């Protein structure tokens, strides 16, 4: 088996190098001359052994790199999975927060509706513009109108202009 492989390698080297090596496998081991044949053969065998050694080293390095890449790929997949879980949790928490804020605004709207319009107007005037608009939006129109009526004209105008456009039927 080894001699067949060596013969094939010698043949390919002979064809590439063109140094007078025989072209056929049966001529490979034919005596060409005692000194020439053995020195050339030893040089070729040494070159082949060096190439084989280099190929084995390279193959081991490639295998090592493949294992490293597989390990890194597994780590990346694991981190992506963790990130997806975190993203889903953040999305769930944001939805919960949004729902809670909406409930809070509805509750505040009901509270301000039941207050005296002047007192509610004084409190709403001190709120953040966005919160004040959301509270007024969730009130009955009549109650929101009375509160706006008790606000100063600039504040009422600012709040009114911040209302989103109403959908037309």
C-alpha atoms as a PDB file:
ATOM      1  CA  UNK A   1       0.000   0.000   0.000  1.00  0.00           C
ATOM      2  CA  UNK A   2       2.788   2.390   0.963  1.00  0.00           C
ATOM      3  CA  UNK A   3       4.752   1.574  -2.163  1.00  0.00           C
ATOM      4  CA  UNK A   4       1.716   2.336  -4.341  1.00  0.00           C
ATOM      5  CA  UNK A   5       1.266   5.717  -2.653  1.00  0.00           C
ATOM      6  CA  UNK A   6       4.993   6.431  -2.947  1.00  0.00           C
ATOM      7  CA  UNK A   7       4.884   5.408  -6.592  1.00  0.00           C
ATOM      8  CA  UNK A   8       1.976   7.746  -7.266  1.00  0.00           C
ATOM      9  CA  UNK A   9       3.734  10.608  -5.528  1.00  0.00           C
ATOM     10  CA  UNK A  10       6.968   9.889  -7.356  1.00  0.00           C
ATOM     11  CA  UNK A  11       5.109   9.821 -10.648  1.00  0.00           C
ATOM     12  CA  UNK A  12       3.466  13.147  -9.967  1.00  0.00           C
ATOM     13  CA  UNK A  13       6.780  14.660  -8.878  1.00  0.00           C
ATOM     14  CA  UNK A  14       8.479  13.304 -11.964  1.00  0.00           C
ATOM     15  CA  UNK A  15       5.860  14.833 -14.196  1.00  0.00           C
ATOM     16  CA  UNK A  16       6.007  18.188 -12.404  1.00  0.00           C
ATOM     17  CA  UNK A  17       9.761  18.389 -11.882  1.00  0.00           C
ATOM     18  CA  UNK A  18      10.711  16.794 -15.181  1.00  0.00           C
ATOM     19  CA  UNK A  19      14.040  15.627 -13.781  1.00  0.00           C
ATOM     20  CA  UNK A  20      14.289  12.456 -15.789  1.00  0.00           C
ATOM     21  CA  UNK A  21      12.173  10.227 -13.585  1.00  0.00           C
ATOM     22  CA  UNK A  22      10.307   7.477 -15.419  1.00  0.00           C
ATOM     23  CA  UNK A  23       6.786   8.186 -16.589  1.00  0.00           C
ATOM     24  CA  UNK A  24       5.288   4.764 -15.823  1.00  0.00           C
ATOM     25  CA  UNK A  25       4.889   3.021 -12.485  1.00  0.00           C
ATOM     26  CA  UNK A  26       6.625  -0.155 -13.634  1.00  0.00           C
ATOM     27  CA  UNK A  27       9.720   1.870 -14.593  1.00  0.00           C
ATOM     28  CA  UNK A  28       9.902   3.550 -11.186  1.00  0.00           C
ATOM     29  CA  UNK A  29      11.793   0.767  -9.505  1.00  0.00           C
ATOM     30  CA  UNK A  30      13.892  -0.236 -12.502  1.00  0.00           C
ATOM     31  CA  UNK A  31      17.586   0.291 -11.859  1.00  0.00           C
ATOM     32  CA  UNK A  32      18.755   3.392 -13.713  1.00  0.00           C
ATOM     33  CA  UNK A  33      22.176   3.371 -12.259  1.00  0.00           C
ATOM     34  CA  UNK A  34      23.447   2.591  -8.797  1.00  0.00           C
ATOM     35  CA  UNK A  35      24.450   6.102  -7.637  1.00  0.00           C
ATOM     36  CA  UNK A  36      22.028   8.283  -9.577  1.00  0.00           C
ATOM     37  CA  UNK A  37      18.928   6.317  -8.720  1.00  0.00           C
ATOM     38  CA  UNK A  38      19.542   6.051  -4.994  1.00  0.00           C
ATOM     39  CA  UNK A  39      20.606   9.692  -4.437  1.00  0.00           C
ATOM     40  CA  UNK A  40      17.664  11.013  -6.454  1.00  0.00           C
ATOM     41  CA  UNK A  41      15.321   8.611  -4.705  1.00  0.00           C
ATOM     42  CA  UNK A  42      16.560   9.652  -1.274  1.00  0.00           C
ATOM     43  CA  UNK A  43      16.121  13.319  -2.119  1.00  0.00           C
ATOM     44  CA  UNK A  44      12.618  12.708  -3.398  1.00  0.00           C
ATOM     45  CA  UNK A  45      11.713  10.560  -0.395  1.00  0.00           C
ATOM     46  CA  UNK A  46      13.057  13.254   1.950  1.00  0.00           C
ATOM     47  CA  UNK A  47      11.052  15.916   0.113  1.00  0.00           C
ATOM     48  CA  UNK A  48       7.942  13.739   0.271  1.00  0.00           C
ATOM     49  CA  UNK A  49       8.432  13.120   3.992  1.00  0.00           C
ATOM     50  CA  UNK A  50       8.851  16.842   4.601  1.00  0.00           C
ATOM     51  CA  UNK A  51       5.699  17.589   2.617  1.00  0.00           C
ATOM     52  CA  UNK A  52       3.764  14.888   4.482  1.00  0.00           C
ATOM     53  CA  UNK A  53       4.952  16.281   7.804  1.00  0.00           C
ATOM     54  CA  UNK A  54       3.943  19.804   6.773  1.00  0.00           C
ATOM     55  CA  UNK A  55       0.547  18.554   5.592  1.00  0.00           C
ATOM     56  CA  UNK A  56      -0.064  16.766   8.904  1.00  0.00           C
ATOM     57  CA  UNK A  57       0.836  19.911  10.838  1.00  0.00           C
ATOM     58  CA  UNK A  58      -1.440  21.982   8.638  1.00  0.00           C
ATOM     59  CA  UNK A  59      -4.245  19.442   8.966  1.00  0.00           C
ATOM     60  CA  UNK A  60      -3.981  19.526  12.769  1.00  0.00           C
ATOM     61  CA  UNK A  61      -4.042  23.333  12.725  1.00  0.00           C
ATOM     62  CA  UNK A  62      -7.143  23.293  10.520  1.00  0.00           C
ATOM     63  CA  UNK A  63      -8.858  20.811  12.823  1.00  0.00           C
ATOM     64  CA  UNK A  64      -8.017  23.028  15.802  1.00  0.00           C
ATOM     65  CA  UNK A  65      -9.438  26.081  14.033  1.00  0.00           C
ATOM     66  CA  UNK A  66     -12.581  24.141  13.122  1.00  0.00           C
ATOM     67  CA  UNK A  67     -13.099  23.177  16.757  1.00  0.00           C
ATOM     68  CA  UNK A  68     -12.550  26.789  17.854  1.00  0.00           C
ATOM     69  CA  UNK A  69     -15.066  27.998  15.280  1.00  0.00           C
ATOM     70  CA  UNK A  70     -17.622  25.413  16.394  1.00  0.00           C
ATOM     71  CA  UNK A  71     -17.119  26.471  20.014  1.00  0.00           C
ATOM     72  CA  UNK A  72     -17.504  30.141  19.107  1.00  0.00           C
ATOM     73  CA  UNK A  73     -20.578  29.374  17.027  1.00  0.00           C
ATOM     74  CA  UNK A  74     -22.153  27.536  19.964  1.00  0.00           C
ATOM     75  CA  UNK A  75     -21.376  30.486  22.254  1.00  0.00           C
ATOM     76  CA  UNK A  76     -22.860  32.969  19.793  1.00  0.00           C
ATOM     77  CA  UNK A  77     -26.000  30.834  19.429  1.00  0.00           C
ATOM     78  CA  UNK A  78     -26.318  30.640  23.220  1.00  0.00           C
ATOM     79  CA  UNK A  79     -25.923  34.416  23.596  1.00  0.00           C
ATOM     80  CA  UNK A  80     -28.446  35.052  20.827  1.00  0.00           C
ATOM     81  CA  UNK A  81     -30.901  32.800  22.593  1.00  0.00           C
ATOM     82  CA  UNK A  82     -30.323  34.665  25.856  1.00  0.00           C
ATOM     83  CA  UNK A  83     -30.762  38.008  24.088  1.00  0.00           C
ATOM     84  CA  UNK A  84     -34.041  36.829  22.579  1.00  0.00           C
ATOM     85  CA  UNK A  85     -35.272  35.870  26.047  1.00  0.00           C
ATOM     86  CA  UNK A  86     -34.232  39.252  27.437  1.00  0.00           C
ATOM     87  CA  UNK A  87     -35.877  41.052  24.525  1.00  0.00           C
ATOM     88  CA  UNK A  88     -39.107  39.131  25.063  1.00  0.00           C
ATOM     89  CA  UNK A  89     -39.004  39.980  28.773  1.00  0.00           C
ATOM     90  CA  UNK A  90     -38.375  43.681  28.069  1.00  0.00           C
ATOM     91  CA  UNK A  91     -41.238  43.724  25.564  1.00  0.00           C
ATOM     92  CA  UNK A  92     -43.531  42.082  28.107  1.00  0.00           C
ATOM     93  CA  UNK A  93     -42.494  44.575  30.795  1.00  0.00           C
ATOM     94  CA  UNK A  94     -43.025  47.534  28.450  1.00  0.00           C
ATOM     95  CA  UNK A  95     -46.481  46.293  27.550  1.00  0.00           C
ATOM     96  CA  UNK A  96     -47.275  45.864  31.231  1.00  0.00           C
ATOM     97  CA  UNK A  97     -45.986  49.353  32.012  1.00  0.00           C
ATOM     98  CA  UNK A  98     -48.012  50.843  29.164  1.00  0.00           C
ATOM     99  CA  UNK A  99     -51.122  49.089  30.414  1.00  0.00           C
ATOM    100  CA  UNK A 100     -50.502  50.276  33.961  1.00  0.00           C
ATOM    101  CA  UNK A 101     -49.955  53.856  32.792  1.00  0.00           C
ATOM    102  CA  UNK A 102     -53.166  53.750  30.765  1.00  0.00           C
ATOM    103  CA  UNK A 103     -55.057  52.518  33.824  1.00  0.00           C
ATOM    104  CA  UNK A 104     -53.447  55.251  35.946  1.00  0.00           C
ATOM    105  CA  UNK A 105     -54.497  57.939  33.454  1.00  0.00           C
ATOM    106  CA  UNK A 106     -58.073  56.600  33.342  1.00  0.00           C
ATOM    107  CA  UNK A 107     -58.221  56.662  37.131  1.00  0.00           C
ATOM    108  CA  UNK A 108     -56.797  60.189  37.295  1.00  0.00           C
ATOM    109  CA  UNK A 109     -59.280  61.302  34.647  1.00  0.00           C
ATOM    110  CA  UNK A 110     -62.194  60.028  36.721  1.00  0.00           C
ATOM    111  CA  UNK A 111     -60.796  61.725  39.828  1.00  0.00           C
ATOM    112  CA  UNK A 112     -60.381  65.096  38.066  1.00  0.00           C
ATOM    113  CA  UNK A 113     -63.855  64.798  36.526  1.00  0.00           C
ATOM    114  CA  UNK A 114     -65.371  64.602  40.013  1.00  0.00           C
ATOM    115  CA  UNK A 115     -63.345  67.559  41.351  1.00  0.00           C
ATOM    116  CA  UNK A 116     -64.417  71.167  41.179  1.00  0.00           C
ATOM    117  CA  UNK A 117     -63.322  72.436  37.716  1.00  0.00           C
ATOM    118  CA  UNK A 118     -61.256  75.276  39.232  1.00  0.00           C
ATOM    119  CA  UNK A 119     -59.335  72.924  41.535  1.00  0.00           C
ATOM    120  CA  UNK A 120     -58.782  70.370  38.755  1.00  0.00           C
ATOM    121  CA  UNK A 121     -57.630  73.160  36.411  1.00  0.00           C
ATOM    122  CA  UNK A 122     -55.080  74.373  38.975  1.00  0.00           C
ATOM    123  CA  UNK A 123     -53.628  70.870  39.332  1.00  0.00           C
ATOM    124  CA  UNK A 124     -53.647  70.082  35.601  1.00  0.00           C
ATOM    125  CA  UNK A 125     -51.879  73.376  34.852  1.00  0.00           C
ATOM    126  CA  UNK A 126     -48.903  72.132  36.885  1.00  0.00           C
ATOM    127  CA  UNK A 127     -48.690  68.727  35.166  1.00  0.00           C
ATOM    128  CA  UNK A 128     -46.489  67.692  32.286  1.00  0.00           C
ATOM    129  CA  UNK A 129     -48.135  68.701  29.000  1.00  0.00           C
ATOM    130  CA  UNK A 130     -48.373  65.144  27.668  1.00  0.00           C
ATOM    131  CA  UNK A 131     -49.881  63.798  30.915  1.00  0.00           C
ATOM    132  CA  UNK A 132     -52.362  66.672  31.117  1.00  0.00           C
ATOM    133  CA  UNK A 133     -53.499  66.042  27.528  1.00  0.00           C
ATOM    134  CA  UNK A 134     -53.934  62.313  28.157  1.00  0.00           C
ATOM    135  CA  UNK A 135     -55.961  62.990  31.308  1.00  0.00           C
ATOM    136  CA  UNK A 136     -58.217  65.448  29.481  1.00  0.00           C
ATOM    137  CA  UNK A 137     -58.638  63.016  26.562  1.00  0.00           C
ATOM    138  CA  UNK A 138     -59.942  60.333  28.906  1.00  0.00           C
ATOM    139  CA  UNK A 139     -62.534  62.633  30.476  1.00  0.00           C
ATOM    140  CA  UNK A 140     -66.048  63.188  29.342  1.00  0.00           C
ATOM    141  CA  UNK A 141     -66.132  66.115  26.933  1.00  0.00           C
ATOM    142  CA  UNK A 142     -68.276  68.261  29.208  1.00  0.00           C
ATOM    143  CA  UNK A 143     -65.938  67.824  32.224  1.00  0.00           C
ATOM    144  CA  UNK A 144     -62.816  68.476  30.112  1.00  0.00           C
ATOM    145  CA  UNK A 145     -64.456  71.634  28.730  1.00  0.00           C
ATOM    146  CA  UNK A 146     -65.200  72.984  32.214  1.00  0.00           C
ATOM    147  CA  UNK A 147     -61.592  72.351  33.298  1.00  0.00           C
ATOM    148  CA  UNK A 148     -60.202  74.047  30.184  1.00  0.00           C
ATOM    149  CA  UNK A 149     -62.542  76.948  30.848  1.00  0.00           C
ATOM    150  CA  UNK A 150     -60.926  77.395  34.290  1.00  0.00           C
ATOM    151  CA  UNK A 151     -57.384  77.336  32.923  1.00  0.00           C
ATOM    152  CA  UNK A 152     -55.722  80.489  31.691  1.00  0.00           C
ATOM    153  CA  UNK A 153     -56.134  81.119  27.967  1.00  0.00           C
ATOM    154  CA  UNK A 154     -52.478  80.380  27.062  1.00  0.00           C
ATOM    155  CA  UNK A 155     -52.476  77.094  28.991  1.00  0.00           C
ATOM    156  CA  UNK A 156     -55.847  76.039  27.592  1.00  0.00           C
ATOM    157  CA  UNK A 157     -54.668  76.873  24.057  1.00  0.00           C
ATOM    158  CA  UNK A 158     -51.452  74.927  24.543  1.00  0.00           C
ATOM    159  CA  UNK A 159     -53.321  71.886  25.862  1.00  0.00           C
ATOM    160  CA  UNK A 160     -55.948  72.115  23.125  1.00  0.00           C
ATOM    161  CA  UNK A 161     -53.362  72.320  20.354  1.00  0.00           C
ATOM    162  CA  UNK A 162     -51.626  69.238  21.773  1.00  0.00           C
ATOM    163  CA  UNK A 163     -54.711  67.061  21.391  1.00  0.00           C
ATOM    164  CA  UNK A 164     -54.265  64.566  18.576  1.00  0.00           C
ATOM    165  CA  UNK A 165     -56.502  64.990  15.541  1.00  0.00           C
ATOM    166  CA  UNK A 166     -59.856  63.370  16.052  1.00  0.00           C
ATOM    167  CA  UNK A 167     -60.865  60.669  13.631  1.00  0.00           C
ATOM    168  CA  UNK A 168     -63.675  61.745  11.342  1.00  0.00           C
ATOM    169  CA  UNK A 169     -66.449  59.334  10.628  1.00  0.00           C
END
